[in-house]
């Protein structure tokens, strides 16, 4: 299965399948002075909205053409791709969730057909 995202007049096609192995990744990087900074995209909010599902919000990566959002049942799990959004869409909903379970989310900033720009931190959510 391929995923498509539209950014302006251009459509990007991802060759990634619905199931991907996402490596454990830290979004904390060090700047030239050695100070820790968070790399974008950064998951900023995860909430549950009745009738809509789990809402995931992240920060913009200036180099991203589109974003893939992954979900796993464990932090070290194989993540399912649950959404593919355009470069200006910084929110998605996970509608296939069950109350009482913990889910782990990660956002991948992509460019072109397959170029990974950056990964967010892995963030858990339980409702």
C-alpha atoms as a PDB file:
ATOM      1  CA  UNK A   1       0.000   0.000   0.000  1.00  0.00           C
ATOM      2  CA  UNK A   2       1.328   3.443  -0.865  1.00  0.00           C
ATOM      3  CA  UNK A   3       0.520   6.757   0.765  1.00  0.00           C
ATOM      4  CA  UNK A   4       0.040  10.064  -0.955  1.00  0.00           C
ATOM      5  CA  UNK A   5       0.288  13.617   0.331  1.00  0.00           C
ATOM      6  CA  UNK A   6      -0.439  16.834  -1.485  1.00  0.00           C
ATOM      7  CA  UNK A   7       1.538  20.001  -0.809  1.00  0.00           C
ATOM      8  CA  UNK A   8       0.469  22.928  -2.939  1.00  0.00           C
ATOM      9  CA  UNK A   9       0.234  21.685  -6.529  1.00  0.00           C
ATOM     10  CA  UNK A  10       2.671  18.787  -6.039  1.00  0.00           C
ATOM     11  CA  UNK A  11       1.620  15.271  -5.010  1.00  0.00           C
ATOM     12  CA  UNK A  12       4.142  13.073  -3.216  1.00  0.00           C
ATOM     13  CA  UNK A  13       3.968   9.293  -3.304  1.00  0.00           C
ATOM     14  CA  UNK A  14       5.568   7.303  -0.516  1.00  0.00           C
ATOM     15  CA  UNK A  15       6.939   3.859  -1.233  1.00  0.00           C
ATOM     16  CA  UNK A  16       6.586   2.963   2.443  1.00  0.00           C
ATOM     17  CA  UNK A  17       4.169   0.207   3.314  1.00  0.00           C
ATOM     18  CA  UNK A  18       1.523   0.422   6.014  1.00  0.00           C
ATOM     19  CA  UNK A  19       3.822  -1.359   8.498  1.00  0.00           C
ATOM     20  CA  UNK A  20       7.297  -0.039   9.194  1.00  0.00           C
ATOM     21  CA  UNK A  21       9.969  -0.668  11.778  1.00  0.00           C
ATOM     22  CA  UNK A  22      10.715   2.668  13.409  1.00  0.00           C
ATOM     23  CA  UNK A  23      13.908   2.822  15.393  1.00  0.00           C
ATOM     24  CA  UNK A  24      13.941   4.221  18.907  1.00  0.00           C
ATOM     25  CA  UNK A  25      14.929   7.800  18.348  1.00  0.00           C
ATOM     26  CA  UNK A  26      15.657  10.797  20.480  1.00  0.00           C
ATOM     27  CA  UNK A  27      14.524  14.149  19.148  1.00  0.00           C
ATOM     28  CA  UNK A  28      16.960  15.872  21.518  1.00  0.00           C
ATOM     29  CA  UNK A  29      19.992  17.203  19.666  1.00  0.00           C
ATOM     30  CA  UNK A  30      22.846  19.488  20.681  1.00  0.00           C
ATOM     31  CA  UNK A  31      23.462  22.834  19.033  1.00  0.00           C
ATOM     32  CA  UNK A  32      26.932  24.233  18.253  1.00  0.00           C
ATOM     33  CA  UNK A  33      27.299  25.401  21.874  1.00  0.00           C
ATOM     34  CA  UNK A  34      26.424  21.971  23.277  1.00  0.00           C
ATOM     35  CA  UNK A  35      22.978  23.090  24.479  1.00  0.00           C
ATOM     36  CA  UNK A  36      20.204  20.519  24.094  1.00  0.00           C
ATOM     37  CA  UNK A  37      17.458  21.500  21.645  1.00  0.00           C
ATOM     38  CA  UNK A  38      14.446  19.610  20.332  1.00  0.00           C
ATOM     39  CA  UNK A  39      14.453  18.753  16.634  1.00  0.00           C
ATOM     40  CA  UNK A  40      11.258  19.204  14.647  1.00  0.00           C
ATOM     41  CA  UNK A  41       8.806  17.676  14.059  1.00  0.00           C
ATOM     42  CA  UNK A  42       8.024  17.559  17.755  1.00  0.00           C
ATOM     43  CA  UNK A  43       4.806  15.988  19.049  1.00  0.00           C
ATOM     44  CA  UNK A  44       3.306  18.776  21.131  1.00  0.00           C
ATOM     45  CA  UNK A  45      -0.087  17.397  22.124  1.00  0.00           C
ATOM     46  CA  UNK A  46      -2.022  14.134  22.200  1.00  0.00           C
ATOM     47  CA  UNK A  47      -5.638  14.178  23.355  1.00  0.00           C
ATOM     48  CA  UNK A  48      -8.775  12.117  22.949  1.00  0.00           C
ATOM     49  CA  UNK A  49     -11.835  13.684  21.320  1.00  0.00           C
ATOM     50  CA  UNK A  50     -15.093  11.783  21.687  1.00  0.00           C
ATOM     51  CA  UNK A  51     -16.403  10.637  18.314  1.00  0.00           C
ATOM     52  CA  UNK A  52     -13.128  11.521  16.548  1.00  0.00           C
ATOM     53  CA  UNK A  53     -10.416   9.488  18.283  1.00  0.00           C
ATOM     54  CA  UNK A  54      -6.909  10.317  19.435  1.00  0.00           C
ATOM     55  CA  UNK A  55      -5.716  13.690  18.106  1.00  0.00           C
ATOM     56  CA  UNK A  56      -1.959  14.013  17.494  1.00  0.00           C
ATOM     57  CA  UNK A  57      -0.452  17.484  16.956  1.00  0.00           C
ATOM     58  CA  UNK A  58       3.166  18.279  16.044  1.00  0.00           C
ATOM     59  CA  UNK A  59       5.434  21.164  15.058  1.00  0.00           C
ATOM     60  CA  UNK A  60       6.364  21.978  11.483  1.00  0.00           C
ATOM     61  CA  UNK A  61       9.647  20.896   9.948  1.00  0.00           C
ATOM     62  CA  UNK A  62      10.676  23.521   7.345  1.00  0.00           C
ATOM     63  CA  UNK A  63      12.124  20.875   4.999  1.00  0.00           C
ATOM     64  CA  UNK A  64       9.154  18.470   5.062  1.00  0.00           C
ATOM     65  CA  UNK A  65       7.013  17.930   1.988  1.00  0.00           C
ATOM     66  CA  UNK A  66       4.661  15.679   3.955  1.00  0.00           C
ATOM     67  CA  UNK A  67       4.417  13.745   7.220  1.00  0.00           C
ATOM     68  CA  UNK A  68       3.844  10.084   8.047  1.00  0.00           C
ATOM     69  CA  UNK A  69       2.381   9.339  11.477  1.00  0.00           C
ATOM     70  CA  UNK A  70       3.132   5.942  13.001  1.00  0.00           C
ATOM     71  CA  UNK A  71       1.531   4.077  15.903  1.00  0.00           C
ATOM     72  CA  UNK A  72       2.677   1.044  17.914  1.00  0.00           C
ATOM     73  CA  UNK A  73       1.465  -0.844  20.953  1.00  0.00           C
ATOM     74  CA  UNK A  74       4.939  -0.756  22.555  1.00  0.00           C
ATOM     75  CA  UNK A  75       7.775   1.744  22.246  1.00  0.00           C
ATOM     76  CA  UNK A  76       9.943  -0.921  20.610  1.00  0.00           C
ATOM     77  CA  UNK A  77       7.103  -2.243  18.433  1.00  0.00           C
ATOM     78  CA  UNK A  78       6.712  -2.197  14.671  1.00  0.00           C
ATOM     79  CA  UNK A  79       4.675   0.949  14.009  1.00  0.00           C
ATOM     80  CA  UNK A  80       1.679   1.073  11.657  1.00  0.00           C
ATOM     81  CA  UNK A  81       1.413   4.145   9.452  1.00  0.00           C
ATOM     82  CA  UNK A  82      -1.928   5.670  10.444  1.00  0.00           C
ATOM     83  CA  UNK A  83      -1.788   8.947   8.513  1.00  0.00           C
ATOM     84  CA  UNK A  84      -0.060  10.758   5.697  1.00  0.00           C
ATOM     85  CA  UNK A  85      -0.543  14.529   5.756  1.00  0.00           C
ATOM     86  CA  UNK A  86       0.602  17.464   3.669  1.00  0.00           C
ATOM     87  CA  UNK A  87       3.377  19.813   4.784  1.00  0.00           C
ATOM     88  CA  UNK A  88       0.938  22.312   6.330  1.00  0.00           C
ATOM     89  CA  UNK A  89      -1.243  19.729   8.081  1.00  0.00           C
ATOM     90  CA  UNK A  90       0.154  19.374  11.593  1.00  0.00           C
ATOM     91  CA  UNK A  91      -2.685  17.341  13.118  1.00  0.00           C
ATOM     92  CA  UNK A  92      -4.181  13.925  12.500  1.00  0.00           C
ATOM     93  CA  UNK A  93      -6.646  11.579  14.210  1.00  0.00           C
ATOM     94  CA  UNK A  94      -6.156   7.943  15.138  1.00  0.00           C
ATOM     95  CA  UNK A  95      -9.685   6.544  14.909  1.00  0.00           C
ATOM     96  CA  UNK A  96      -8.859   2.866  15.473  1.00  0.00           C
ATOM     97  CA  UNK A  97      -8.249   2.990  19.242  1.00  0.00           C
ATOM     98  CA  UNK A  98      -9.659   1.270  22.310  1.00  0.00           C
ATOM     99  CA  UNK A  99     -10.166   2.720  25.778  1.00  0.00           C
ATOM    100  CA  UNK A 100      -7.742   1.457  28.418  1.00  0.00           C
ATOM    101  CA  UNK A 101      -4.861   0.769  26.007  1.00  0.00           C
ATOM    102  CA  UNK A 102      -1.548   2.607  25.673  1.00  0.00           C
ATOM    103  CA  UNK A 103      -0.432   3.674  22.202  1.00  0.00           C
ATOM    104  CA  UNK A 104       2.946   5.021  21.056  1.00  0.00           C
ATOM    105  CA  UNK A 105       3.166   7.639  18.297  1.00  0.00           C
ATOM    106  CA  UNK A 106       5.958   9.032  16.123  1.00  0.00           C
ATOM    107  CA  UNK A 107       5.887  11.569  13.268  1.00  0.00           C
ATOM    108  CA  UNK A 108       8.251  11.279  10.291  1.00  0.00           C
ATOM    109  CA  UNK A 109       8.980  14.409   8.245  1.00  0.00           C
ATOM    110  CA  UNK A 110       9.399  13.309   4.614  1.00  0.00           C
ATOM    111  CA  UNK A 111      10.504  14.978   1.383  1.00  0.00           C
ATOM    112  CA  UNK A 112      10.101  13.712  -2.153  1.00  0.00           C
ATOM    113  CA  UNK A 113       9.073  10.116  -2.724  1.00  0.00           C
ATOM    114  CA  UNK A 114      11.085   8.551   0.073  1.00  0.00           C
ATOM    115  CA  UNK A 115      13.556  10.910   1.732  1.00  0.00           C
ATOM    116  CA  UNK A 116      13.348  11.000   5.524  1.00  0.00           C
ATOM    117  CA  UNK A 117      14.064  14.511   6.790  1.00  0.00           C
ATOM    118  CA  UNK A 118      13.579  14.045  10.559  1.00  0.00           C
ATOM    119  CA  UNK A 119      11.731  11.984  13.164  1.00  0.00           C
ATOM    120  CA  UNK A 120       9.866  13.134  16.248  1.00  0.00           C
ATOM    121  CA  UNK A 121      10.290  11.624  19.663  1.00  0.00           C
ATOM    122  CA  UNK A 122       8.165   8.561  20.428  1.00  0.00           C
ATOM    123  CA  UNK A 123       5.298   9.653  22.678  1.00  0.00           C
ATOM    124  CA  UNK A 124       2.878   7.420  24.555  1.00  0.00           C
ATOM    125  CA  UNK A 125      -0.806   8.064  25.224  1.00  0.00           C
ATOM    126  CA  UNK A 126      -3.346   6.134  27.295  1.00  0.00           C
ATOM    127  CA  UNK A 127      -7.032   6.967  27.622  1.00  0.00           C
END
